[in-house]
């Protein structure tokens, strides 16, 4: 008997040799392809003005090399004879390898295109502090594509994916319920990113909190309240409640109520109104639109009211401070006296 006719695991040494040649040949061919991609294709791609072909060559290189190795392994196994049970199991393994390799290739291309074109474009169109948010979206999409790819791969390998998912049973339902808020926060973050109801640095009011936006994340956002405290708000709150963006208001309405003594004459009240109008007109950070009127008779004062509007670029603390100081100065110069609480007590004689 010739030495090549000896059998090992129900296959002759000749069959094992042929299978080994296919495997070794695929490894050699894979190495040659890797060199061709690295030295020739990349060199050609680098000479073009477009970045697309550089990315395409770089991202296809490793999956194609791996595909050659998988094909060599399959052809090598095809020259061997095993039981039907082993063949069925090996076919499933090869289908899974092919499916995962194709998923890997697609995700590499998608991630490269996203990082090269879409993310830089989004950064130019949006405000600062979006890097972390975009990276989270990038990772989330890659995870989703991996899950979809694995499900399709298992289905092509004749696994009952529906039964596998159903086999999760109550545990799967519990996990889905636990993940409900997480998913809601993810979509809330995406909504904030694309709709842009507010951006980093804006002052907003939501859920009873009033403060400046410090960070916009994929799951939650942070605002610094006017008291200096940091509040972490889940992103789904921005989609199921009202959000007031204070920073988007064109002007800030401010009201001042003054009380003059009851011995102030009609003419002096008109003088006070004229002084208030002039003070507003002299301020650069206040619009020319203002309302001044004799607003009523108080318990111990004649009331004069002023409404003015601070421009968006004006300081909400400094502008009222300047106007109030000007009112105090001009009223003192004009001899207009502010009223203070007084009581007149009448004693009834017996």
Protein backbone atom coordinates (compact mmCIF):
# COMPACT_ATOMS: atom_id res chain seq x y z
CA UNK A 1 0.00 0.00 0.00
CA UNK A 2 1.31 3.41 -0.97
CA UNK A 3 2.00 5.78 1.91
CA UNK A 4 -0.49 8.33 0.55
CA UNK A 5 -3.24 5.74 0.87
CA UNK A 6 -2.91 5.47 4.63
CA UNK A 7 -6.03 6.86 6.35
CA UNK A 8 -6.30 9.20 9.29
CA UNK A 9 -9.71 10.23 10.67
CA UNK A 10 -11.40 8.54 7.68
CA UNK A 11 -9.28 10.50 5.17
CA UNK A 12 -6.20 9.44 3.26
CA UNK A 13 -2.90 11.25 3.67
CA UNK A 14 -3.34 12.38 0.06
CA UNK A 15 -6.60 14.16 0.93
CA UNK A 16 -5.03 15.69 4.00
CA UNK A 17 -2.12 16.87 1.87
CA UNK A 18 -4.42 18.47 -0.72
CA UNK A 19 -6.40 20.20 2.05
CA UNK A 20 -3.16 21.45 3.59
CA UNK A 21 -2.01 22.78 0.20
CA UNK A 22 -5.25 24.77 -0.17
CA UNK A 23 -4.87 26.21 3.32
CA UNK A 24 -1.20 27.07 2.85
CA UNK A 25 -1.90 28.48 -0.61
CA UNK A 26 -4.63 30.72 0.77
CA UNK A 27 -2.25 32.01 3.45
CA UNK A 28 0.41 32.75 0.84
CA UNK A 29 -2.14 34.40 -1.47
CA UNK A 30 -3.47 36.44 1.46
CA UNK A 31 0.04 37.63 2.22
CA UNK A 32 0.57 38.60 -1.44
CA UNK A 33 -2.77 40.47 -1.52
CA UNK A 34 -1.81 42.30 1.66
CA UNK A 35 1.43 43.41 0.00
CA UNK A 36 -0.41 44.45 -3.19
CA UNK A 37 -2.88 46.54 -1.19
CA UNK A 38 -0.14 48.13 0.92
CA UNK A 39 2.36 48.89 -1.85
CA UNK A 40 0.41 49.20 -5.09
CA UNK A 41 -3.25 50.03 -4.49
CA UNK A 42 -2.50 52.52 -1.71
CA UNK A 43 0.17 54.14 -3.87
CA UNK A 44 -2.28 54.60 -6.74
CA UNK A 45 -4.99 55.90 -4.38
CA UNK A 46 -2.63 58.42 -2.78
CA UNK A 47 -1.98 60.03 -6.17
CA UNK A 48 -5.63 60.99 -6.68
CA UNK A 49 -7.16 64.18 -5.27
CA UNK A 50 -10.14 62.45 -3.70
CA UNK A 51 -10.03 60.83 -0.27
CA UNK A 52 -12.73 58.28 -1.07
CA UNK A 53 -10.44 55.79 -2.86
CA UNK A 54 -7.82 55.99 -0.08
CA UNK A 55 -10.47 55.10 2.50
CA UNK A 56 -11.91 52.35 0.29
CA UNK A 57 -8.52 50.66 -0.21
CA UNK A 58 -7.59 50.96 3.47
CA UNK A 59 -10.89 49.61 4.79
CA UNK A 60 -11.24 46.73 2.28
CA UNK A 61 -7.66 45.51 2.70
CA UNK A 62 -7.97 43.37 5.84
CA UNK A 63 -11.51 41.97 5.26
CA UNK A 64 -10.55 40.83 1.72
CA UNK A 65 -7.36 39.20 3.02
CA UNK A 66 -9.39 37.41 5.69
CA UNK A 67 -11.95 36.35 3.06
CA UNK A 68 -9.18 34.68 1.02
CA UNK A 69 -8.09 32.70 4.10
CA UNK A 70 -11.69 31.62 4.79
CA UNK A 71 -12.13 30.49 1.17
CA UNK A 72 -8.86 28.51 1.35
CA UNK A 73 -10.01 26.80 4.55
CA UNK A 74 -13.34 25.94 2.91
CA UNK A 75 -11.74 24.48 -0.22
CA UNK A 76 -9.34 22.52 1.93
CA UNK A 77 -12.14 21.09 4.03
CA UNK A 78 -14.10 20.28 0.88
CA UNK A 79 -11.47 17.64 -0.01
CA UNK A 80 -12.01 15.84 3.30
CA UNK A 81 -14.79 13.43 4.18
CA UNK A 82 -16.47 13.45 7.55
CA UNK A 83 -19.84 12.48 8.93
CA UNK A 84 -22.98 14.42 8.07
CA UNK A 85 -23.12 15.82 11.59
CA UNK A 86 -19.60 17.22 11.35
CA UNK A 87 -20.25 18.60 7.87
CA UNK A 88 -23.39 20.36 9.05
CA UNK A 89 -21.54 21.91 12.01
CA UNK A 90 -18.57 23.04 9.86
CA UNK A 91 -20.88 24.57 7.23
CA UNK A 92 -22.51 26.62 9.98
CA UNK A 93 -19.10 27.75 11.25
CA UNK A 94 -18.04 28.88 7.77
CA UNK A 95 -21.32 30.74 7.22
CA UNK A 96 -20.83 32.52 10.53
CA UNK A 97 -17.24 33.42 9.60
CA UNK A 98 -18.35 34.78 6.22
CA UNK A 99 -21.23 36.74 7.78
CA UNK A 100 -19.07 38.27 10.51
CA UNK A 101 -16.37 39.17 7.98
CA UNK A 102 -18.90 40.93 5.73
CA UNK A 103 -20.38 42.75 8.74
CA UNK A 104 -16.89 43.80 9.82
CA UNK A 105 -16.12 45.09 6.31
CA UNK A 106 -19.37 47.08 6.14
CA UNK A 107 -18.87 48.63 9.59
CA UNK A 108 -15.25 49.56 8.75
CA UNK A 109 -16.41 51.34 5.60
CA UNK A 110 -19.32 53.02 7.37
CA UNK A 111 -17.19 54.16 10.32
CA UNK A 112 -14.46 55.51 8.03
CA UNK A 113 -16.92 57.44 5.87
CA UNK A 114 -18.66 58.77 8.97
CA UNK A 115 -15.41 59.93 10.51
CA UNK A 116 -14.04 61.41 7.28
CA UNK A 117 -17.06 63.22 5.86
CA UNK A 118 -20.25 63.31 7.96
CA UNK A 119 -18.83 64.08 11.42
CA UNK A 120 -16.59 66.99 10.23
CA UNK A 121 -19.58 68.37 8.31
CA UNK A 122 -21.78 68.12 11.43
CA UNK A 123 -19.12 69.85 13.53
CA UNK A 124 -19.00 72.77 11.11
CA UNK A 125 -22.78 73.13 11.26
CA UNK A 126 -23.16 72.84 15.03
CA UNK A 127 -21.77 74.51 18.11
CA UNK A 128 -18.76 73.49 20.18
CA UNK A 129 -18.75 70.69 22.75
CA UNK A 130 -20.30 68.19 20.31
CA UNK A 131 -17.27 65.89 19.96
CA UNK A 132 -18.29 63.59 22.79
CA UNK A 133 -21.88 63.51 21.61
CA UNK A 134 -20.90 62.64 18.02
CA UNK A 135 -18.54 59.92 19.25
CA UNK A 136 -21.35 58.39 21.29
CA UNK A 137 -23.65 58.39 18.26
CA UNK A 138 -20.87 56.80 16.22
CA UNK A 139 -20.38 54.00 18.75
CA UNK A 140 -24.12 53.48 19.12
CA UNK A 141 -24.62 53.07 15.37
CA UNK A 142 -21.71 50.63 15.17
CA UNK A 143 -23.21 48.56 17.99
CA UNK A 144 -26.60 48.53 16.23
CA UNK A 145 -25.01 47.38 12.96
CA UNK A 146 -23.12 44.63 14.77
CA UNK A 147 -26.34 43.37 16.36
CA UNK A 148 -28.11 43.39 12.98
CA UNK A 149 -25.16 41.66 11.31
CA UNK A 150 -25.00 38.94 13.96
CA UNK A 151 -28.74 38.29 13.69
CA UNK A 152 -28.55 37.99 9.88
CA UNK A 153 -25.46 35.77 10.16
CA UNK A 154 -27.11 33.40 12.63
CA UNK A 155 -30.20 33.26 10.44
CA UNK A 156 -28.09 32.34 7.38
CA UNK A 157 -26.39 29.65 9.48
CA UNK A 158 -29.82 27.99 9.94
CA UNK A 159 -30.23 29.06 13.54
CA UNK A 160 -33.76 29.95 14.59
CA UNK A 161 -33.11 33.52 15.68
CA UNK A 162 -36.75 34.03 16.67
CA UNK A 163 -36.54 31.06 19.02
CA UNK A 164 -33.29 32.37 20.48
CA UNK A 165 -34.86 35.76 21.16
CA UNK A 166 -38.02 34.16 22.53
CA UNK A 167 -35.83 31.97 24.72
CA UNK A 168 -34.82 35.03 26.66
CA UNK A 169 -38.31 34.84 28.17
CA UNK A 170 -39.09 36.89 31.24
CA UNK A 171 -35.44 37.87 31.61
CA UNK A 172 -35.49 39.45 28.15
CA UNK A 173 -38.69 41.32 28.93
CA UNK A 174 -37.20 42.60 32.19
CA UNK A 175 -34.07 43.76 30.37
CA UNK A 176 -36.21 45.49 27.74
CA UNK A 177 -38.20 47.29 30.44
CA UNK A 178 -35.00 48.30 32.21
CA UNK A 179 -33.55 49.61 28.97
CA UNK A 180 -36.68 51.61 28.12
CA UNK A 181 -35.52 54.76 29.89
CA UNK A 182 -32.00 54.35 28.51
CA UNK A 183 -33.33 54.17 24.94
CA UNK A 184 -35.64 57.14 25.61
CA UNK A 185 -32.64 59.16 26.82
CA UNK A 186 -30.63 58.18 23.73
CA UNK A 187 -33.38 59.37 21.37
CA UNK A 188 -33.85 62.47 23.52
CA UNK A 189 -30.16 63.28 23.10
CA UNK A 190 -30.39 62.76 19.34
CA UNK A 191 -33.43 65.05 19.22
CA UNK A 192 -31.57 67.77 21.12
CA UNK A 193 -28.60 67.41 18.78
CA UNK A 194 -30.57 67.72 15.55
CA UNK A 195 -33.43 70.05 16.59
CA UNK A 196 -31.07 72.25 18.66
CA UNK A 197 -33.65 73.73 21.07
CA UNK A 198 -30.59 74.92 22.98
CA UNK A 199 -26.80 74.76 22.69
CA UNK A 200 -23.83 74.84 25.03
CA UNK A 201 -23.83 78.02 27.12
CA UNK A 202 -27.53 78.81 26.68
CA UNK A 203 -29.67 79.65 29.66
CA UNK A 204 -32.72 77.37 29.81
CA UNK A 205 -35.61 76.63 32.12
CA UNK A 206 -36.82 73.02 32.31
CA UNK A 207 -38.49 70.94 35.00
CA UNK A 208 -38.38 73.78 37.52
CA UNK A 209 -34.65 74.38 37.01
CA UNK A 210 -33.13 77.57 35.61
CA UNK A 211 -29.51 77.66 34.58
CA UNK A 212 -26.76 77.59 31.95
CA UNK A 213 -26.15 74.50 29.80
CA UNK A 214 -22.74 73.08 30.75
CA UNK A 215 -22.75 69.79 28.83
CA UNK A 216 -24.95 67.96 26.32
CA UNK A 217 -24.43 64.20 26.49
CA UNK A 218 -25.93 61.20 24.72
CA UNK A 219 -27.86 60.09 27.84
CA UNK A 220 -28.10 63.21 29.99
CA UNK A 221 -27.21 66.89 30.03
CA UNK A 222 -25.86 69.18 32.74
CA UNK A 223 -26.99 72.68 33.60
CA UNK A 224 -25.53 75.04 36.19
CA UNK A 225 -28.35 76.73 38.08
CA UNK A 226 -28.32 80.40 39.04
CA UNK A 227 -27.43 79.22 42.56
CA UNK A 228 -24.24 77.63 41.20
CA UNK A 229 -25.39 74.01 41.55
CA UNK A 230 -24.90 71.40 38.82
CA UNK A 231 -28.09 69.55 37.86
CA UNK A 232 -28.00 66.42 35.69
CA UNK A 233 -31.18 66.11 33.60
CA UNK A 234 -32.07 62.93 31.62
CA UNK A 235 -32.43 63.78 27.94
CA UNK A 236 -35.95 62.36 27.67
CA UNK A 237 -37.10 65.29 29.83
CA UNK A 238 -36.40 67.60 26.89
CA UNK A 239 -38.85 65.69 24.67
CA UNK A 240 -41.74 65.16 27.10
CA UNK A 241 -41.75 68.57 28.83
CA UNK A 242 -41.56 72.24 27.94
CA UNK A 243 -38.11 73.81 27.58
CA UNK A 244 -37.77 77.58 27.72
CA UNK A 245 -34.60 78.93 26.12
CA UNK A 246 -34.04 82.21 27.92
CA UNK A 247 -30.97 83.02 25.80
CA UNK A 248 -33.07 83.19 22.63
CA UNK A 249 -35.22 86.06 23.87
CA UNK A 250 -34.50 89.23 21.83
CA UNK A 251 -34.83 91.49 24.88
CA UNK A 252 -35.39 91.16 28.62
CA UNK A 253 -38.42 92.97 30.01
CA UNK A 254 -37.74 94.82 33.29
CA UNK A 255 -40.24 96.68 35.45
CA UNK A 256 -39.56 99.33 38.07
CA UNK A 257 -42.23 100.54 40.53
CA UNK A 258 -41.64 103.86 42.29
CA UNK A 259 -43.63 105.54 45.04
CA UNK A 260 -43.68 109.34 45.47
CA UNK A 261 -45.02 111.16 48.50
CA UNK A 262 -48.66 112.26 48.48
CA UNK A 263 -47.71 115.94 48.48
CA UNK A 264 -46.23 115.54 44.97
CA UNK A 265 -48.14 117.76 42.53
CA UNK A 266 -49.55 116.81 39.13
CA UNK A 267 -46.80 118.74 37.39
CA UNK A 268 -44.08 117.06 39.44
CA UNK A 269 -45.40 113.61 38.54
CA UNK A 270 -45.23 114.54 34.86
CA UNK A 271 -41.67 115.73 35.48
CA UNK A 272 -40.83 112.38 37.07
CA UNK A 273 -42.25 110.56 34.01
CA UNK A 274 -40.14 112.72 31.67
CA UNK A 275 -37.00 112.04 33.75
CA UNK A 276 -37.58 108.28 33.57
CA UNK A 277 -38.05 108.34 29.80
CA UNK A 278 -34.83 110.32 29.35
CA UNK A 279 -32.86 107.94 31.57
CA UNK A 280 -33.95 104.99 29.40
CA UNK A 281 -33.08 106.85 26.18
CA UNK A 282 -29.59 107.60 27.50
CA UNK A 283 -28.78 103.88 27.95
CA UNK A 284 -27.09 102.13 25.02
CA UNK A 285 -28.01 98.59 26.14
CA UNK A 286 -31.76 99.41 26.36
CA UNK A 287 -34.20 99.72 23.47
CA UNK A 288 -35.94 103.05 22.82
CA UNK A 289 -39.26 101.36 23.52
CA UNK A 290 -40.34 102.01 27.09
CA UNK A 291 -43.56 102.56 29.02
CA UNK A 292 -43.85 105.10 31.86
CA UNK A 293 -47.14 106.00 33.52
CA UNK A 294 -48.80 107.13 36.72
CA UNK A 295 -49.94 103.69 37.82
CA UNK A 296 -52.13 104.38 40.83
CA UNK A 297 -52.76 105.57 44.35
CA UNK A 298 -51.08 103.44 46.97
CA UNK A 299 -51.70 103.27 50.69
CA UNK A 300 -48.93 105.78 51.36
CA UNK A 301 -47.59 106.78 47.91
CA UNK A 302 -48.41 107.97 44.43
CA UNK A 303 -47.11 105.19 42.22
CA UNK A 304 -45.18 105.61 38.96
CA UNK A 305 -44.27 102.51 36.90
CA UNK A 306 -41.56 102.03 34.30
CA UNK A 307 -41.13 99.13 31.86
CA UNK A 308 -38.01 98.96 29.67
CA UNK A 309 -36.32 96.25 27.57
CA UNK A 310 -32.67 95.24 27.91
CA UNK A 311 -31.00 94.24 24.65
CA UNK A 312 -29.73 90.68 24.22
CA UNK A 313 -26.10 91.76 24.46
CA UNK A 314 -26.76 93.82 27.60
CA UNK A 315 -25.76 92.60 31.07
CA UNK A 316 -28.89 91.66 33.02
CA UNK A 317 -27.36 92.87 36.27
CA UNK A 318 -25.27 95.86 35.27
CA UNK A 319 -27.92 97.58 33.10
CA UNK A 320 -30.64 97.67 35.82
CA UNK A 321 -27.95 98.76 38.27
CA UNK A 322 -27.02 101.77 36.10
CA UNK A 323 -30.66 102.73 35.51
CA UNK A 324 -31.56 102.49 39.20
CA UNK A 325 -28.56 104.64 40.18
CA UNK A 326 -29.53 107.18 37.51
CA UNK A 327 -33.11 107.29 38.83
CA UNK A 328 -31.90 107.86 42.37
CA UNK A 329 -29.49 110.60 41.25
CA UNK A 330 -31.92 112.45 38.97
CA UNK A 331 -34.83 112.31 41.42
CA UNK A 332 -32.64 113.66 44.20
CA UNK A 333 -31.49 116.50 41.93
CA UNK A 334 -35.10 117.31 41.01
CA UNK A 335 -36.20 117.19 44.64
CA UNK A 336 -38.65 114.34 44.06
CA UNK A 337 -39.18 112.55 47.36
CA UNK A 338 -39.72 108.79 47.58
CA UNK A 339 -42.48 107.73 49.89
CA UNK A 340 -42.02 105.30 52.75
CA UNK A 341 -44.64 103.47 54.80
CA UNK A 342 -46.49 105.79 57.16
CA UNK A 343 -49.59 105.58 59.32
CA UNK A 344 -51.87 108.28 60.64
CA UNK A 345 -53.54 107.39 63.92
CA UNK A 346 -56.69 109.28 64.95
CA UNK A 347 -57.70 109.31 68.58
CA UNK A 348 -61.39 109.69 69.17
CA UNK A 349 -62.08 111.91 72.17
CA UNK A 350 -64.52 110.62 74.74
